[in-house]
PDB file of N, CA and C in Angstrom:
ATOM      1  N   MET A   1     -24.265   3.096  16.497  1.00  0.00           N
ATOM      2  CA  MET A   1     -23.329   2.240  16.925  1.00  0.00           C
ATOM      3  C   MET A   1     -23.496   0.909  16.191  1.00  0.00           C
ATOM      4  N   TYR A   2     -22.950   0.268  15.643  1.00  0.00           N
ATOM      5  CA  TYR A   2     -23.456  -1.035  15.229  1.00  0.00           C
ATOM      6  C   TYR A   2     -22.503  -2.123  15.898  1.00  0.00           C
ATOM      7  N   LEU A   3     -21.213  -2.015  16.789  1.00  0.00           N
ATOM      8  CA  LEU A   3     -21.178  -2.352  17.547  1.00  0.00           C
ATOM      9  C   LEU A   3     -21.232  -2.225  19.388  1.00  0.00           C
ATOM     10  N   THR A   4     -22.484  -3.141  19.535  1.00  0.00           N
ATOM     11  CA  THR A   4     -23.095  -3.242  20.710  1.00  0.00           C
ATOM     12  C   THR A   4     -22.252  -3.620  21.887  1.00  0.00           C
ATOM     13  N   THR A   5     -21.721  -3.640  23.354  1.00  0.00           N
ATOM     14  CA  THR A   5     -21.404  -4.290  23.726  1.00  0.00           C
ATOM     15  C   THR A   5     -22.615  -5.559  24.414  1.00  0.00           C
ATOM     16  N   GLU A   6     -23.713  -5.602  23.901  1.00  0.00           N
ATOM     17  CA  GLU A   6     -24.556  -6.877  23.996  1.00  0.00           C
ATOM     18  C   GLU A   6     -23.881  -7.947  22.980  1.00  0.00           C
ATOM     19  N   LYS A   7     -23.998  -7.186  21.944  1.00  0.00           N
ATOM     20  CA  LYS A   7     -23.514  -7.630  20.371  1.00  0.00           C
ATOM     21  C   LYS A   7     -22.493  -8.559  20.743  1.00  0.00           C
ATOM     22  N   LYS A   8     -21.255  -7.773  20.882  1.00  0.00           N
ATOM     23  CA  LYS A   8     -19.872  -8.656  21.699  1.00  0.00           C
ATOM     24  C   LYS A   8     -20.037  -9.915  22.757  1.00  0.00           C
ATOM     25  N   LYS A   9     -21.059  -9.230  23.186  1.00  0.00           N
ATOM     26  CA  LYS A   9     -20.810 -10.778  24.500  1.00  0.00           C
ATOM     27  C   LYS A   9     -21.738 -12.080  23.328  1.00  0.00           C
ATOM     28  N   GLU A  10     -22.399 -11.330  22.517  1.00  0.00           N
ATOM     29  CA  GLU A  10     -23.200 -12.094  21.933  1.00  0.00           C
ATOM     30  C   GLU A  10     -22.271 -13.306  21.104  1.00  0.00           C
ATOM     31  N   ILE A  11     -21.284 -12.426  20.300  1.00  0.00           N
ATOM     32  CA  ILE A  11     -20.144 -13.115  19.118  1.00  0.00           C
ATOM     33  C   ILE A  11     -19.443 -14.282  20.513  1.00  0.00           C
ATOM     34  N   PHE A  12     -18.880 -13.843  21.382  1.00  0.00           N
ATOM     35  CA  PHE A  12     -17.870 -14.252  22.452  1.00  0.00           C
ATOM     36  C   PHE A  12     -18.933 -15.070  23.213  1.00  0.00           C
ATOM     37  N   LYS A  13     -20.143 -15.218  23.486  1.00  0.00           N
ATOM     38  CA  LYS A  13     -20.827 -16.298  24.075  1.00  0.00           C
ATOM     39  C   LYS A  13     -21.024 -17.624  22.892  1.00  0.00           C
ATOM     40  N   LYS A  14     -20.957 -17.533  21.529  1.00  0.00           N
ATOM     41  CA  LYS A  14     -21.482 -18.585  20.950  1.00  0.00           C
ATOM     42  C   LYS A  14     -19.916 -18.966  20.049  1.00  0.00           C
ATOM     43  N   PHE A  15     -18.773 -17.776  20.254  1.00  0.00           N
ATOM     44  CA  PHE A  15     -17.687 -18.568  19.192  1.00  0.00           C
ATOM     45  C   PHE A  15     -16.996 -19.048  20.103  1.00  0.00           C
ATOM     46  N   GLY A  16     -16.619 -18.158  21.796  1.00  0.00           N
ATOM     47  CA  GLY A  16     -15.685 -18.315  22.336  1.00  0.00           C
ATOM     48  C   GLY A  16     -16.297 -19.384  23.518  1.00  0.00           C
ATOM     49  N   LYS A  17     -15.088 -19.203  24.901  1.00  0.00           N
ATOM     50  CA  LYS A  17     -15.354 -20.081  26.037  1.00  0.00           C
ATOM     51  C   LYS A  17     -16.657 -19.762  26.478  1.00  0.00           C
ATOM     52  N   SER A  18     -16.687 -18.270  27.047  1.00  0.00           N
ATOM     53  CA  SER A  18     -17.819 -17.854  27.989  1.00  0.00           C
ATOM     54  C   SER A  18     -18.045 -16.422  27.187  1.00  0.00           C
ATOM     55  N   GLU A  19     -18.909 -15.387  27.161  1.00  0.00           N
ATOM     56  CA  GLU A  19     -19.479 -13.830  26.856  1.00  0.00           C
ATOM     57  C   GLU A  19     -17.883 -13.565  27.542  1.00  0.00           C
ATOM     58  N   THR A  20     -17.502 -14.043  28.536  1.00  0.00           N
ATOM     59  CA  THR A  20     -16.299 -12.683  28.944  1.00  0.00           C
ATOM     60  C   THR A  20     -14.865 -12.679  28.467  1.00  0.00           C
ATOM     61  N   ASP A  21     -14.844 -14.105  27.701  1.00  0.00           N
ATOM     62  CA  ASP A  21     -13.531 -15.200  27.505  1.00  0.00           C
ATOM     63  C   ASP A  21     -13.268 -14.151  25.353  1.00  0.00           C
ATOM     64  N   THR A  22     -12.849 -12.922  25.937  1.00  0.00           N
ATOM     65  CA  THR A  22     -12.545 -12.081  24.739  1.00  0.00           C
ATOM     66  C   THR A  22     -11.243 -12.182  24.455  1.00  0.00           C
ATOM     67  N   GLY A  23     -10.554 -13.349  25.123  1.00  0.00           N
ATOM     68  CA  GLY A  23      -9.070 -13.610  24.294  1.00  0.00           C
ATOM     69  C   GLY A  23      -8.895 -14.601  23.519  1.00  0.00           C
ATOM     70  N   SER A  24     -10.006 -15.692  23.102  1.00  0.00           N
ATOM     71  CA  SER A  24      -9.642 -16.632  22.532  1.00  0.00           C
ATOM     72  C   SER A  24      -9.556 -16.606  21.028  1.00  0.00           C
ATOM     73  N   THR A  25      -8.994 -17.235  20.414  1.00  0.00           N
ATOM     74  CA  THR A  25      -8.369 -16.729  19.212  1.00  0.00           C
ATOM     75  C   THR A  25     -10.010 -17.289  18.215  1.00  0.00           C
ATOM     76  N   GLU A  26     -10.699 -17.938  18.545  1.00  0.00           N
ATOM     77  CA  GLU A  26     -12.252 -18.049  17.772  1.00  0.00           C
ATOM     78  C   GLU A  26     -13.112 -17.236  18.032  1.00  0.00           C
ATOM     79  N   GLY A  27     -13.199 -16.439  19.117  1.00  0.00           N
ATOM     80  CA  GLY A  27     -13.972 -15.386  19.707  1.00  0.00           C
ATOM     81  C   GLY A  27     -13.419 -14.158  18.381  1.00  0.00           C
ATOM     82  N   GLN A  28     -12.355 -14.025  18.908  1.00  0.00           N
ATOM     83  CA  GLN A  28     -11.634 -12.632  17.995  1.00  0.00           C
ATOM     84  C   GLN A  28     -11.902 -12.975  16.616  1.00  0.00           C
ATOM     85  N   ILE A  29     -11.351 -14.514  15.922  1.00  0.00           N
ATOM     86  CA  ILE A  29     -11.653 -14.288  14.606  1.00  0.00           C
ATOM     87  C   ILE A  29     -13.433 -14.070  14.392  1.00  0.00           C
ATOM     88  N   ALA A  30     -14.338 -14.303  15.066  1.00  0.00           N
ATOM     89  CA  ALA A  30     -15.626 -13.967  14.640  1.00  0.00           C
ATOM     90  C   ALA A  30     -16.083 -12.723  15.039  1.00  0.00           C
ATOM     91  N   LEU A  31     -15.472 -12.167  15.640  1.00  0.00           N
ATOM     92  CA  LEU A  31     -15.608 -10.343  15.885  1.00  0.00           C
ATOM     93  C   LEU A  31     -15.234 -10.159  14.740  1.00  0.00           C
ATOM     94  N   PHE A  32     -13.527 -10.039  14.136  1.00  0.00           N
ATOM     95  CA  PHE A  32     -12.867  -9.692  13.064  1.00  0.00           C
ATOM     96  C   PHE A  32     -14.298  -9.576  12.070  1.00  0.00           C
ATOM     97  N   SER A  33     -14.471 -10.877  11.869  1.00  0.00           N
ATOM     98  CA  SER A  33     -15.554 -10.771  10.889  1.00  0.00           C
ATOM     99  C   SER A  33     -16.386 -10.552  10.550  1.00  0.00           C
ATOM    100  N   TYR A  34     -17.680 -10.149  11.477  1.00  0.00           N
ATOM    101  CA  TYR A  34     -18.514  -9.323  12.325  1.00  0.00           C
ATOM    102  C   TYR A  34     -18.128  -7.733  11.866  1.00  0.00           C
ATOM    103  N   ARG A  35     -17.059  -7.698  11.880  1.00  0.00           N
ATOM    104  CA  ARG A  35     -17.015  -5.981  11.895  1.00  0.00           C
ATOM    105  C   ARG A  35     -16.516  -5.785  10.534  1.00  0.00           C
ATOM    106  N   ILE A  36     -15.686  -6.864   9.541  1.00  0.00           N
ATOM    107  CA  ILE A  36     -15.610  -6.879   8.008  1.00  0.00           C
ATOM    108  C   ILE A  36     -16.533  -6.755   7.706  1.00  0.00           C
ATOM    109  N   ASN A  37     -17.924  -7.503   7.766  1.00  0.00           N
ATOM    110  CA  ASN A  37     -19.120  -7.867   7.024  1.00  0.00           C
ATOM    111  C   ASN A  37     -19.214  -6.798   7.169  1.00  0.00           C
ATOM    112  N   HIS A  38     -19.579  -5.941   8.591  1.00  0.00           N
ATOM    113  CA  HIS A  38     -20.167  -4.416   8.394  1.00  0.00           C
ATOM    114  C   HIS A  38     -19.555  -3.525   7.449  1.00  0.00           C
ATOM    115  N   LEU A  39     -18.008  -3.505   7.355  1.00  0.00           N
ATOM    116  CA  LEU A  39     -17.235  -2.513   7.117  1.00  0.00           C
ATOM    117  C   LEU A  39     -17.533  -2.792   5.135  1.00  0.00           C
ATOM    118  N   SER A  40     -17.953  -3.713   5.031  1.00  0.00           N
ATOM    119  CA  SER A  40     -17.607  -4.187   3.408  1.00  0.00           C
ATOM    120  C   SER A  40     -19.038  -3.810   3.240  1.00  0.00           C
ATOM    121  N   ASP A  41     -20.580  -3.644   3.779  1.00  0.00           N
ATOM    122  CA  ASP A  41     -21.271  -3.266   3.261  1.00  0.00           C
ATOM    123  C   ASP A  41     -21.379  -1.930   3.233  1.00  0.00           C
ATOM    124  N   HIS A  42     -20.454  -1.644   4.209  1.00  0.00           N
ATOM    125  CA  HIS A  42     -20.343   0.326   4.343  1.00  0.00           C
ATOM    126  C   HIS A  42     -19.737   0.688   3.054  1.00  0.00           C
ATOM    127  N   LEU A  43     -18.636  -0.009   2.982  1.00  0.00           N
ATOM    128  CA  LEU A  43     -17.926   0.301   0.896  1.00  0.00           C
ATOM    129  C   LEU A  43     -18.749   0.193   0.040  1.00  0.00           C
ATOM    130  N   LYS A  44     -19.418  -0.842   0.171  1.00  0.00           N
ATOM    131  CA  LYS A  44     -20.705  -0.829  -1.290  1.00  0.00           C
ATOM    132  C   LYS A  44     -20.559   0.570  -1.319  1.00  0.00           C
ATOM    133  N   LYS A  45     -21.785   1.092  -0.142  1.00  0.00           N
ATOM    134  CA  LYS A  45     -22.575   2.596  -0.298  1.00  0.00           C
ATOM    135  C   LYS A  45     -21.186   3.666  -0.600  1.00  0.00           C
ATOM    136  N   ASN A  46     -20.644   3.714  -0.111  1.00  0.00           N
ATOM    137  CA  ASN A  46     -19.789   4.630   0.073  1.00  0.00           C
ATOM    138  C   ASN A  46     -18.106   4.518  -0.462  1.00  0.00           C
ATOM    139  N   ALA A  47     -17.838   4.054  -1.885  1.00  0.00           N
ATOM    140  CA  ALA A  47     -16.498   3.696  -2.327  1.00  0.00           C
ATOM    141  C   ALA A  47     -15.436   4.215  -1.993  1.00  0.00           C
ATOM    142  N   LYS A  48     -15.735   5.679  -2.090  1.00  0.00           N
ATOM    143  CA  LYS A  48     -14.385   6.392  -2.019  1.00  0.00           C
ATOM    144  C   LYS A  48     -13.861   6.273  -0.727  1.00  0.00           C
ATOM    145  N   ASP A  49     -14.386   6.549  -0.141  1.00  0.00           N
ATOM    146  CA  ASP A  49     -13.760   6.400   2.005  1.00  0.00           C
ATOM    147  C   ASP A  49     -13.141   5.185   1.937  1.00  0.00           C
ATOM    148  N   PHE A  50     -11.566   6.106   1.943  1.00  0.00           N
ATOM    149  CA  PHE A  50     -10.310   4.974   1.520  1.00  0.00           C
ATOM    150  C   PHE A  50      -9.992   4.914   2.902  1.00  0.00           C
ATOM    151  N   ASN A  51     -10.451   5.755   3.772  1.00  0.00           N
ATOM    152  CA  ASN A  51      -9.941   5.499   5.249  1.00  0.00           C
ATOM    153  C   ASN A  51     -10.925   4.376   5.556  1.00  0.00           C
ATOM    154  N   THR A  52     -11.624   4.067   5.116  1.00  0.00           N
ATOM    155  CA  THR A  52     -12.456   2.506   5.418  1.00  0.00           C
ATOM    156  C   THR A  52     -11.904   1.096   5.015  1.00  0.00           C
ATOM    157  N   GLU A  53     -11.696   1.554   3.599  1.00  0.00           N
ATOM    158  CA  GLU A  53     -10.645   0.564   2.908  1.00  0.00           C
ATOM    159  C   GLU A  53      -9.668   0.218   3.466  1.00  0.00           C
ATOM    160  N   ARG A  54      -9.105   0.986   4.553  1.00  0.00           N
ATOM    161  CA  ARG A  54      -7.893   0.827   4.386  1.00  0.00           C
ATOM    162  C   ARG A  54      -8.117  -0.155   5.818  1.00  0.00           C
ATOM    163  N   SER A  55      -9.092   0.484   6.488  1.00  0.00           N
ATOM    164  CA  SER A  55      -9.216  -0.381   8.130  1.00  0.00           C
ATOM    165  C   SER A  55      -9.992  -2.080   7.509  1.00  0.00           C
ATOM    166  N   LEU A  56     -10.125  -1.742   6.822  1.00  0.00           N
ATOM    167  CA  LEU A  56     -11.040  -3.147   6.345  1.00  0.00           C
ATOM    168  C   LEU A  56      -9.814  -4.072   5.743  1.00  0.00           C
ATOM    169  N   VAL A  57      -8.933  -3.609   5.025  1.00  0.00           N
ATOM    170  CA  VAL A  57      -7.586  -4.513   4.586  1.00  0.00           C
ATOM    171  C   VAL A  57      -6.642  -4.608   5.842  1.00  0.00           C
ATOM    172  N   ARG A  58      -6.906  -4.073   6.349  1.00  0.00           N
ATOM    173  CA  ARG A  58      -6.059  -4.186   8.301  1.00  0.00           C
ATOM    174  C   ARG A  58      -6.275  -5.185   9.187  1.00  0.00           C
ATOM    175  N   LEU A  59      -7.953  -5.341   9.037  1.00  0.00           N
ATOM    176  CA  LEU A  59      -9.031  -6.062   9.974  1.00  0.00           C
ATOM    177  C   LEU A  59      -8.989  -7.262   9.017  1.00  0.00           C
ATOM    178  N   VAL A  60      -8.622  -7.477   7.971  1.00  0.00           N
ATOM    179  CA  VAL A  60      -8.477  -9.007   7.056  1.00  0.00           C
ATOM    180  C   VAL A  60      -7.007  -9.506   7.420  1.00  0.00           C
ATOM    181  N   GLY A  61      -6.229  -8.789   7.370  1.00  0.00           N
ATOM    182  CA  GLY A  61      -4.656  -9.042   7.593  1.00  0.00           C
ATOM    183  C   GLY A  61      -4.548  -9.259   9.148  1.00  0.00           C
ATOM    184  N   LYS A  62      -5.199  -9.055  10.042  1.00  0.00           N
ATOM    185  CA  LYS A  62      -5.512  -9.476  11.441  1.00  0.00           C
ATOM    186  C   LYS A  62      -6.473 -11.060  11.287  1.00  0.00           C
ATOM    187  N   ARG A  63      -7.365 -10.893  11.139  1.00  0.00           N
ATOM    188  CA  ARG A  63      -7.897 -11.866  10.885  1.00  0.00           C
ATOM    189  C   ARG A  63      -7.112 -13.497   9.860  1.00  0.00           C
ATOM    190  N   ARG A  64      -6.843 -13.052   8.546  1.00  0.00           N
ATOM    191  CA  ARG A  64      -5.672 -14.147   8.345  1.00  0.00           C
ATOM    192  C   ARG A  64      -4.977 -14.477   9.078  1.00  0.00           C
ATOM    193  N   SER A  65      -4.225 -13.666  10.056  1.00  0.00           N
ATOM    194  CA  SER A  65      -3.360 -13.951  10.611  1.00  0.00           C
ATOM    195  C   SER A  65      -3.334 -14.868  11.765  1.00  0.00           C
ATOM    196  N   LEU A  66      -4.872 -14.699  12.234  1.00  0.00           N
ATOM    197  CA  LEU A  66      -5.282 -15.446  13.401  1.00  0.00           C
ATOM    198  C   LEU A  66      -5.620 -16.720  12.886  1.00  0.00           C
ATOM    199  N   LEU A  67      -6.287 -17.160  11.754  1.00  0.00           N
ATOM    200  CA  LEU A  67      -6.807 -18.233  10.854  1.00  0.00           C
ATOM    201  C   LEU A  67      -5.531 -19.131  11.070  1.00  0.00           C
ATOM    202  N   ASP A  68      -4.166 -18.214  10.273  1.00  0.00           N
ATOM    203  CA  ASP A  68      -2.942 -19.262  10.093  1.00  0.00           C
ATOM    204  C   ASP A  68      -1.962 -20.061  11.569  1.00  0.00           C
ATOM    205  N   TYR A  69      -2.654 -19.051  12.861  1.00  0.00           N
ATOM    206  CA  TYR A  69      -2.276 -19.447  13.850  1.00  0.00           C
ATOM    207  C   TYR A  69      -2.788 -20.756  14.268  1.00  0.00           C
ATOM    208  N   LEU A  70      -4.216 -20.567  14.176  1.00  0.00           N
ATOM    209  CA  LEU A  70      -5.108 -21.627  14.248  1.00  0.00           C
ATOM    210  C   LEU A  70      -4.976 -22.836  13.590  1.00  0.00           C
ATOM    211  N   LYS A  71      -4.831 -22.830  12.294  1.00  0.00           N
ATOM    212  CA  LYS A  71      -4.046 -23.415  11.482  1.00  0.00           C
ATOM    213  C   LYS A  71      -3.305 -24.861  11.613  1.00  0.00           C
ATOM    214  N   ASP A  72      -2.505 -24.010  12.329  1.00  0.00           N
ATOM    215  CA  ASP A  72      -0.743 -24.067  12.549  1.00  0.00           C
ATOM    216  C   ASP A  72      -1.170 -25.294  14.197  1.00  0.00           C
ATOM    217  N   ASN A  73      -2.116 -24.439  14.963  1.00  0.00           N
ATOM    218  CA  ASN A  73      -1.771 -25.315  16.230  1.00  0.00           C
ATOM    219  C   ASN A  73      -2.942 -26.580  16.235  1.00  0.00           C
ATOM    220  N   ASP A  74      -3.813 -26.124  15.578  1.00  0.00           N
ATOM    221  CA  ASP A  74      -4.960 -27.230  16.233  1.00  0.00           C
ATOM    222  C   ASP A  74      -5.717 -26.926  14.618  1.00  0.00           C
ATOM    223  N   ILE A  75      -6.097 -27.648  13.909  1.00  0.00           N
ATOM    224  CA  ILE A  75      -6.430 -27.774  12.264  1.00  0.00           C
ATOM    225  C   ILE A  75      -7.863 -28.369  12.616  1.00  0.00           C
ATOM    226  N   GLU A  76      -8.807 -28.630  13.747  1.00  0.00           N
ATOM    227  CA  GLU A  76     -10.227 -29.147  14.143  1.00  0.00           C
ATOM    228  C   GLU A  76     -10.556 -27.671  14.383  1.00  0.00           C
ATOM    229  N   ARG A  77     -10.510 -26.778  15.285  1.00  0.00           N
ATOM    230  CA  ARG A  77     -10.972 -25.378  15.370  1.00  0.00           C
ATOM    231  C   ARG A  77     -10.752 -25.006  14.184  1.00  0.00           C
ATOM    232  N   TYR A  78      -9.736 -24.953  13.456  1.00  0.00           N
ATOM    233  CA  TYR A  78      -9.612 -24.534  12.448  1.00  0.00           C
ATOM    234  C   TYR A  78     -10.825 -24.467  11.326  1.00  0.00           C
ATOM    235  N   ARG A  79     -10.954 -25.910  10.877  1.00  0.00           N
ATOM    236  CA  ARG A  79     -11.991 -26.204  10.128  1.00  0.00           C
ATOM    237  C   ARG A  79     -13.437 -25.582  10.703  1.00  0.00           C
ATOM    238  N   SER A  80     -13.122 -26.155  11.783  1.00  0.00           N
ATOM    239  CA  SER A  80     -14.917 -26.125  12.226  1.00  0.00           C
ATOM    240  C   SER A  80     -15.121 -24.317  12.191  1.00  0.00           C
ATOM    241  N   ILE A  81     -14.479 -23.521  12.722  1.00  0.00           N
ATOM    242  CA  ILE A  81     -14.629 -21.827  12.610  1.00  0.00           C
ATOM    243  C   ILE A  81     -15.310 -20.927  11.388  1.00  0.00           C
ATOM    244  N   ILE A  82     -13.666 -22.304  10.888  1.00  0.00           N
ATOM    245  CA  ILE A  82     -13.990 -21.784   8.888  1.00  0.00           C
ATOM    246  C   ILE A  82     -15.468 -22.208   8.580  1.00  0.00           C
ATOM    247  N   LYS A  83     -16.118 -23.273   9.106  1.00  0.00           N
ATOM    248  CA  LYS A  83     -17.518 -23.492   8.097  1.00  0.00           C
ATOM    249  C   LYS A  83     -18.187 -23.178   9.470  1.00  0.00           C
ATOM    250  N   GLU A  84     -18.147 -22.429  10.174  1.00  0.00           N
ATOM    251  CA  GLU A  84     -19.479 -21.590  11.093  1.00  0.00           C
ATOM    252  C   GLU A  84     -19.184 -21.158  10.532  1.00  0.00           C
ATOM    253  N   LEU A  85     -18.386 -19.763   9.901  1.00  0.00           N
ATOM    254  CA  LEU A  85     -18.754 -18.379   9.781  1.00  0.00           C
ATOM    255  C   LEU A  85     -18.799 -18.360   8.124  1.00  0.00           C
ATOM    256  N   GLY A  86     -18.206 -19.499   7.698  1.00  0.00           N
ATOM    257  CA  GLY A  86     -18.395 -19.683   6.218  1.00  0.00           C
ATOM    258  C   GLY A  86     -18.014 -18.731   4.962  1.00  0.00           C
ATOM    259  N   ILE A  87     -16.831 -18.656   5.986  1.00  0.00           N
ATOM    260  CA  ILE A  87     -15.205 -18.274   5.637  1.00  0.00           C
ATOM    261  C   ILE A  87     -14.551 -19.268   4.202  1.00  0.00           C
ATOM    262  N   ARG A  88     -14.068 -18.618   3.321  1.00  0.00           N
ATOM    263  CA  ARG A  88     -13.383 -19.586   2.402  1.00  0.00           C
ATOM    264  C   ARG A  88     -12.311 -18.739   1.961  1.00  0.00           C
ATOM    265  N   LYS A  89     -11.510 -19.844   2.026  1.00  0.00           N
ATOM    266  CA  LYS A  89      -9.991 -19.007   1.964  1.00  0.00           C
ATOM    267  C   LYS A  89      -9.684 -19.241  -0.486  1.00  0.00           C
TER     268      LYS A  89
END
């Protein structure tokens, strides 16, 4: 499995307030970004996997809505997470 409990804790520790703070917006965005990168790599090898493609599109939409929420509420946190994850709009 590509996303273990240890990897999740590491992501939330780095981007969230703590490793048990799974509800923070930055932690969720970082987790979605990790999953999006994994699914993108999978689709490069398996171009006809349409179920994974649909999941990828849904994840990108969820991440986009969280980024929009963060941009509306705290632009500085938005800018820092964009820079840290290397996401471009």
